[in-house]
Amino acid sequence: MTMRHLRRKAVENLTGLSRSAIYDLMAKGAFPRPVKLSSRAVAWPESKIIDWLASRDCA
């Protein structure tokens, strides 16, 4: 099974959050942290974003 990673713009589109909202939530520990793809690129595992969205629907 291949793990897909989402870049920030894709995370914004999927969650409806702005860039600043994503980073504010990350600072509060309320949003998944990205993983480093290279020295200049990060991305979020798609499964972590889907799980985060599902937990928000239940709250």
PDB file of N, CA and C in Angstrom:
ATOM      1  N   MET A   1       0.842  -1.184   0.000  1.00  0.00           N
ATOM      2  CA  MET A   1       0.000   0.000   0.000  1.00  0.00           C
ATOM      3  C   MET A   1       0.887   1.247   0.000  1.00  0.00           C
ATOM      4  N   THR A   2       0.670   2.124  -0.938  1.00  0.00           N
ATOM      5  CA  THR A   2       1.456   3.339  -1.049  1.00  0.00           C
ATOM      6  C   THR A   2       0.814   4.458  -0.237  1.00  0.00           C
ATOM      7  N   MET A   3       1.631   5.104   0.582  1.00  0.00           N
ATOM      8  CA  MET A   3       1.125   6.224   1.371  1.00  0.00           C
ATOM      9  C   MET A   3       1.207   7.491   0.525  1.00  0.00           C
ATOM     10  N   ARG A   4       0.077   8.164   0.384  1.00  0.00           N
ATOM     11  CA  ARG A   4       0.055   9.426  -0.369  1.00  0.00           C
ATOM     12  C   ARG A   4       0.348  10.579   0.573  1.00  0.00           C
ATOM     13  N   HIS A   5       1.011  11.567   0.060  1.00  0.00           N
ATOM     14  CA  HIS A   5       1.298  12.779   0.815  1.00  0.00           C
ATOM     15  C   HIS A   5       0.676  13.969   0.098  1.00  0.00           C
ATOM     16  N   LEU A   6       0.188  14.909   0.894  1.00  0.00           N
ATOM     17  CA  LEU A   6      -0.458  16.104   0.357  1.00  0.00           C
ATOM     18  C   LEU A   6       0.392  17.327   0.665  1.00  0.00           C
ATOM     19  N   ARG A   7       0.616  18.153  -0.333  1.00  0.00           N
ATOM     20  CA  ARG A   7       1.312  19.412  -0.115  1.00  0.00           C
ATOM     21  C   ARG A   7       0.328  20.402   0.505  1.00  0.00           C
ATOM     22  N   ARG A   8       0.840  21.524   0.977  1.00  0.00           N
ATOM     23  CA  ARG A   8       0.018  22.469   1.742  1.00  0.00           C
ATOM     24  C   ARG A   8      -1.222  22.924   0.993  1.00  0.00           C
ATOM     25  N   LYS A   9      -1.097  23.247  -0.273  1.00  0.00           N
ATOM     26  CA  LYS A   9      -2.251  23.731  -1.044  1.00  0.00           C
ATOM     27  C   LYS A   9      -3.346  22.666  -1.096  1.00  0.00           C
ATOM     28  N   ALA A  10      -2.963  21.408  -1.247  1.00  0.00           N
ATOM     29  CA  ALA A  10      -3.947  20.323  -1.268  1.00  0.00           C
ATOM     30  C   ALA A  10      -4.612  20.172   0.097  1.00  0.00           C
ATOM     31  N   VAL A  11      -3.841  20.361   1.168  1.00  0.00           N
ATOM     32  CA  VAL A  11      -4.410  20.298   2.523  1.00  0.00           C
ATOM     33  C   VAL A  11      -5.396  21.447   2.719  1.00  0.00           C
ATOM     34  N   GLU A  12      -5.044  22.629   2.244  1.00  0.00           N
ATOM     35  CA  GLU A  12      -5.961  23.774   2.324  1.00  0.00           C
ATOM     36  C   GLU A  12      -7.263  23.471   1.592  1.00  0.00           C
ATOM     37  N   ASN A  13      -7.169  22.925   0.396  1.00  0.00           N
ATOM     38  CA  ASN A  13      -8.363  22.611  -0.393  1.00  0.00           C
ATOM     39  C   ASN A  13      -9.208  21.535   0.267  1.00  0.00           C
ATOM     40  N   LEU A  14      -8.568  20.524   0.827  1.00  0.00           N
ATOM     41  CA  LEU A  14      -9.295  19.414   1.441  1.00  0.00           C
ATOM     42  C   LEU A  14      -9.975  19.818   2.745  1.00  0.00           C
ATOM     43  N   THR A  15      -9.294  20.634   3.551  1.00  0.00           N
ATOM     44  CA  THR A  15      -9.829  20.997   4.865  1.00  0.00           C
ATOM     45  C   THR A  15     -10.644  22.283   4.861  1.00  0.00           C
ATOM     46  N   GLY A  16     -10.419  23.135   3.864  1.00  0.00           N
ATOM     47  CA  GLY A  16     -11.073  24.437   3.855  1.00  0.00           C
ATOM     48  C   GLY A  16     -10.392  25.444   4.767  1.00  0.00           C
ATOM     49  N   LEU A  17      -9.225  25.092   5.303  1.00  0.00           N
ATOM     50  CA  LEU A  17      -8.482  25.980   6.192  1.00  0.00           C
ATOM     51  C   LEU A  17      -7.486  26.815   5.398  1.00  0.00           C
ATOM     52  N   SER A  18      -7.195  27.983   5.914  1.00  0.00           N
ATOM     53  CA  SER A  18      -6.164  28.819   5.299  1.00  0.00           C
ATOM     54  C   SER A  18      -4.790  28.364   5.788  1.00  0.00           C
ATOM     55  N   ARG A  19      -3.763  28.869   5.138  1.00  0.00           N
ATOM     56  CA  ARG A  19      -2.389  28.547   5.534  1.00  0.00           C
ATOM     57  C   ARG A  19      -2.155  28.923   6.995  1.00  0.00           C
ATOM     58  N   SER A  20      -2.558  30.128   7.373  1.00  0.00           N
ATOM     59  CA  SER A  20      -2.321  30.580   8.745  1.00  0.00           C
ATOM     60  C   SER A  20      -3.125  29.764   9.753  1.00  0.00           C
ATOM     61  N   ALA A  21      -4.336  29.357   9.402  1.00  0.00           N
ATOM     62  CA  ALA A  21      -5.142  28.535  10.310  1.00  0.00           C
ATOM     63  C   ALA A  21      -4.489  27.173  10.530  1.00  0.00           C
ATOM     64  N   ILE A  22      -3.943  26.592   9.472  1.00  0.00           N
ATOM     65  CA  ILE A  22      -3.255  25.301   9.597  1.00  0.00           C
ATOM     66  C   ILE A  22      -2.083  25.429  10.564  1.00  0.00           C
ATOM     67  N   TYR A  23      -1.254  26.453  10.372  1.00  0.00           N
ATOM     68  CA  TYR A  23      -0.079  26.617  11.229  1.00  0.00           C
ATOM     69  C   TYR A  23      -0.455  27.028  12.651  1.00  0.00           C
ATOM     70  N   ASP A  24      -1.535  27.787  12.835  1.00  0.00           N
ATOM     71  CA  ASP A  24      -2.017  28.110  14.183  1.00  0.00           C
ATOM     72  C   ASP A  24      -2.464  26.846  14.908  1.00  0.00           C
ATOM     73  N   LEU A  25      -3.229  25.997  14.222  1.00  0.00           N
ATOM     74  CA  LEU A  25      -3.680  24.743  14.829  1.00  0.00           C
ATOM     75  C   LEU A  25      -2.503  23.818  15.131  1.00  0.00           C
ATOM     76  N   MET A  26      -1.513  23.780  14.244  1.00  0.00           N
ATOM     77  CA  MET A  26      -0.325  22.960  14.501  1.00  0.00           C
ATOM     78  C   MET A  26       0.397  23.449  15.754  1.00  0.00           C
ATOM     79  N   ALA A  27       0.500  24.756  15.931  1.00  0.00           N
ATOM     80  CA  ALA A  27       1.176  25.320  17.100  1.00  0.00           C
ATOM     81  C   ALA A  27       0.451  24.954  18.392  1.00  0.00           C
ATOM     82  N   LYS A  28      -0.860  24.782  18.307  1.00  0.00           N
ATOM     83  CA  LYS A  28      -1.667  24.399  19.469  1.00  0.00           C
ATOM     84  C   LYS A  28      -1.720  22.887  19.658  1.00  0.00           C
ATOM     85  N   GLY A  29      -1.123  22.141  18.744  1.00  0.00           N
ATOM     86  CA  GLY A  29      -1.153  20.683  18.825  1.00  0.00           C
ATOM     87  C   GLY A  29      -2.472  20.094  18.369  1.00  0.00           C
ATOM     88  N   ALA A  30      -3.257  20.868  17.624  1.00  0.00           N
ATOM     89  CA  ALA A  30      -4.588  20.435  17.211  1.00  0.00           C
ATOM     90  C   ALA A  30      -4.674  20.057  15.737  1.00  0.00           C
ATOM     91  N   PHE A  31      -3.524  19.950  15.073  1.00  0.00           N
ATOM     92  CA  PHE A  31      -3.506  19.588  13.658  1.00  0.00           C
ATOM     93  C   PHE A  31      -2.255  18.764  13.415  1.00  0.00           C
ATOM     94  N   PRO A  32      -2.347  17.755  12.543  1.00  0.00           N
ATOM     95  CA  PRO A  32      -1.174  16.905  12.286  1.00  0.00           C
ATOM     96  C   PRO A  32       0.015  17.708  11.761  1.00  0.00           C
ATOM     97  N   ARG A  33       1.197  17.286  12.139  1.00  0.00           N
ATOM     98  CA  ARG A  33       2.433  17.908  11.658  1.00  0.00           C
ATOM     99  C   ARG A  33       2.831  17.291  10.325  1.00  0.00           C
ATOM    100  N   PRO A  34       3.430  18.077   9.459  1.00  0.00           N
ATOM    101  CA  PRO A  34       3.883  17.530   8.177  1.00  0.00           C
ATOM    102  C   PRO A  34       5.168  16.724   8.353  1.00  0.00           C
ATOM    103  N   VAL A  35       5.491  15.966   7.331  1.00  0.00           N
ATOM    104  CA  VAL A  35       6.757  15.236   7.288  1.00  0.00           C
ATOM    105  C   VAL A  35       7.636  15.895   6.232  1.00  0.00           C
ATOM    106  N   LYS A  36       8.931  15.803   6.419  1.00  0.00           N
ATOM    107  CA  LYS A  36       9.881  16.379   5.465  1.00  0.00           C
ATOM    108  C   LYS A  36      10.046  15.457   4.278  1.00  0.00           C
ATOM    109  N   LEU A  37       9.860  15.992   3.096  1.00  0.00           N
ATOM    110  CA  LEU A  37      10.102  15.233   1.875  1.00  0.00           C
ATOM    111  C   LEU A  37      11.521  15.472   1.372  1.00  0.00           C
ATOM    112  N   SER A  38      12.003  16.677   1.574  1.00  0.00           N
ATOM    113  CA  SER A  38      13.364  17.050   1.191  1.00  0.00           C
ATOM    114  C   SER A  38      13.766  18.226   2.071  1.00  0.00           C
ATOM    115  N   SER A  39      14.897  18.805   1.793  1.00  0.00           N
ATOM    116  CA  SER A  39      15.354  19.927   2.616  1.00  0.00           C
ATOM    117  C   SER A  39      14.444  21.153   2.501  1.00  0.00           C
ATOM    118  N   ARG A  40      13.678  21.235   1.415  1.00  0.00           N
ATOM    119  CA  ARG A  40      12.822  22.408   1.201  1.00  0.00           C
ATOM    120  C   ARG A  40      11.343  22.089   1.035  1.00  0.00           C
ATOM    121  N   ALA A  41      10.957  20.839   1.205  1.00  0.00           N
ATOM    122  CA  ALA A  41       9.560  20.470   0.955  1.00  0.00           C
ATOM    123  C   ALA A  41       9.007  19.621   2.093  1.00  0.00           C
ATOM    124  N   VAL A  42       7.791  19.954   2.501  1.00  0.00           N
ATOM    125  CA  VAL A  42       7.072  19.149   3.486  1.00  0.00           C
ATOM    126  C   VAL A  42       5.713  18.777   2.910  1.00  0.00           C
ATOM    127  N   ALA A  43       5.129  17.740   3.488  1.00  0.00           N
ATOM    128  CA  ALA A  43       3.793  17.309   3.080  1.00  0.00           C
ATOM    129  C   ALA A  43       3.166  16.565   4.248  1.00  0.00           C
ATOM    130  N   TRP A  44       1.863  16.420   4.194  1.00  0.00           N
ATOM    131  CA  TRP A  44       1.123  15.720   5.229  1.00  0.00           C
ATOM    132  C   TRP A  44       0.683  14.369   4.689  1.00  0.00           C
ATOM    133  N   PRO A  45       0.828  13.311   5.489  1.00  0.00           N
ATOM    134  CA  PRO A  45       0.275  12.025   5.053  1.00  0.00           C
ATOM    135  C   PRO A  45      -1.245  12.179   4.883  1.00  0.00           C
ATOM    136  N   GLU A  46      -1.751  11.759   3.747  1.00  0.00           N
ATOM    137  CA  GLU A  46      -3.178  11.906   3.464  1.00  0.00           C
ATOM    138  C   GLU A  46      -4.022  11.247   4.543  1.00  0.00           C
ATOM    139  N   SER A  47      -3.588  10.104   5.041  1.00  0.00           N
ATOM    140  CA  SER A  47      -4.357   9.382   6.059  1.00  0.00           C
ATOM    141  C   SER A  47      -4.500  10.204   7.339  1.00  0.00           C
ATOM    142  N   LYS A  48      -3.473  10.965   7.707  1.00  0.00           N
ATOM    143  CA  LYS A  48      -3.547  11.800   8.914  1.00  0.00           C
ATOM    144  C   LYS A  48      -4.562  12.928   8.740  1.00  0.00           C
ATOM    145  N   ILE A  49      -4.635  13.493   7.553  1.00  0.00           N
ATOM    146  CA  ILE A  49      -5.599  14.564   7.291  1.00  0.00           C
ATOM    147  C   ILE A  49      -7.018  14.004   7.281  1.00  0.00           C
ATOM    148  N   ILE A  50      -7.204  12.844   6.656  1.00  0.00           N
ATOM    149  CA  ILE A  50      -8.527  12.203   6.639  1.00  0.00           C
ATOM    150  C   ILE A  50      -8.969  11.870   8.062  1.00  0.00           C
ATOM    151  N   ASP A  51      -8.062  11.326   8.876  1.00  0.00           N
ATOM    152  CA  ASP A  51      -8.386  11.014  10.271  1.00  0.00           C
ATOM    153  C   ASP A  51      -8.730  12.278  11.047  1.00  0.00           C
ATOM    154  N   TRP A  52      -7.988  13.359  10.806  1.00  0.00           N
ATOM    155  CA  TRP A  52      -8.256  14.621  11.492  1.00  0.00           C
ATOM    156  C   TRP A  52      -9.639  15.142  11.115  1.00  0.00           C
ATOM    157  N   LEU A  53      -9.972  15.084   9.831  1.00  0.00           N
ATOM    158  CA  LEU A  53     -11.297  15.519   9.381  1.00  0.00           C
ATOM    159  C   LEU A  53     -12.396  14.676  10.010  1.00  0.00           C
ATOM    160  N   ALA A  54     -12.193  13.374  10.088  1.00  0.00           N
ATOM    161  CA  ALA A  54     -13.193  12.481  10.685  1.00  0.00           C
ATOM    162  C   ALA A  54     -13.383  12.797  12.165  1.00  0.00           C
ATOM    163  N   SER A  55     -12.309  13.109  12.865  1.00  0.00           N
ATOM    164  CA  SER A  55     -12.424  13.425  14.289  1.00  0.00           C
ATOM    165  C   SER A  55     -13.150  14.749  14.496  1.00  0.00           C
ATOM    166  N   ARG A  56     -13.013  15.671  13.560  1.00  0.00           N
ATOM    167  CA  ARG A  56     -13.719  16.953  13.650  1.00  0.00           C
ATOM    168  C   ARG A  56     -15.220  16.764  13.437  1.00  0.00           C
ATOM    169  N   ASP A  57     -15.606  15.835  12.581  1.00  0.00           N
ATOM    170  CA  ASP A  57     -17.024  15.575  12.332  1.00  0.00           C
ATOM    171  C   ASP A  57     -17.703  14.976  13.555  1.00  0.00           C
ATOM    172  N   CYS A  58     -16.951  14.217  14.348  1.00  0.00           N
ATOM    173  CA  CYS A  58     -17.514  13.552  15.525  1.00  0.00           C
ATOM    174  C   CYS A  58     -17.600  14.484  16.723  1.00  0.00           C
ATOM    175  N   ALA A  59     -16.830  15.553  16.722  1.00  0.00           N
ATOM    176  CA  ALA A  59     -16.778  16.444  17.887  1.00  0.00           C
ATOM    177  C   ALA A  59     -17.987  17.344  17.963  1.00  0.00           C
TER     178      ALA A  59
END
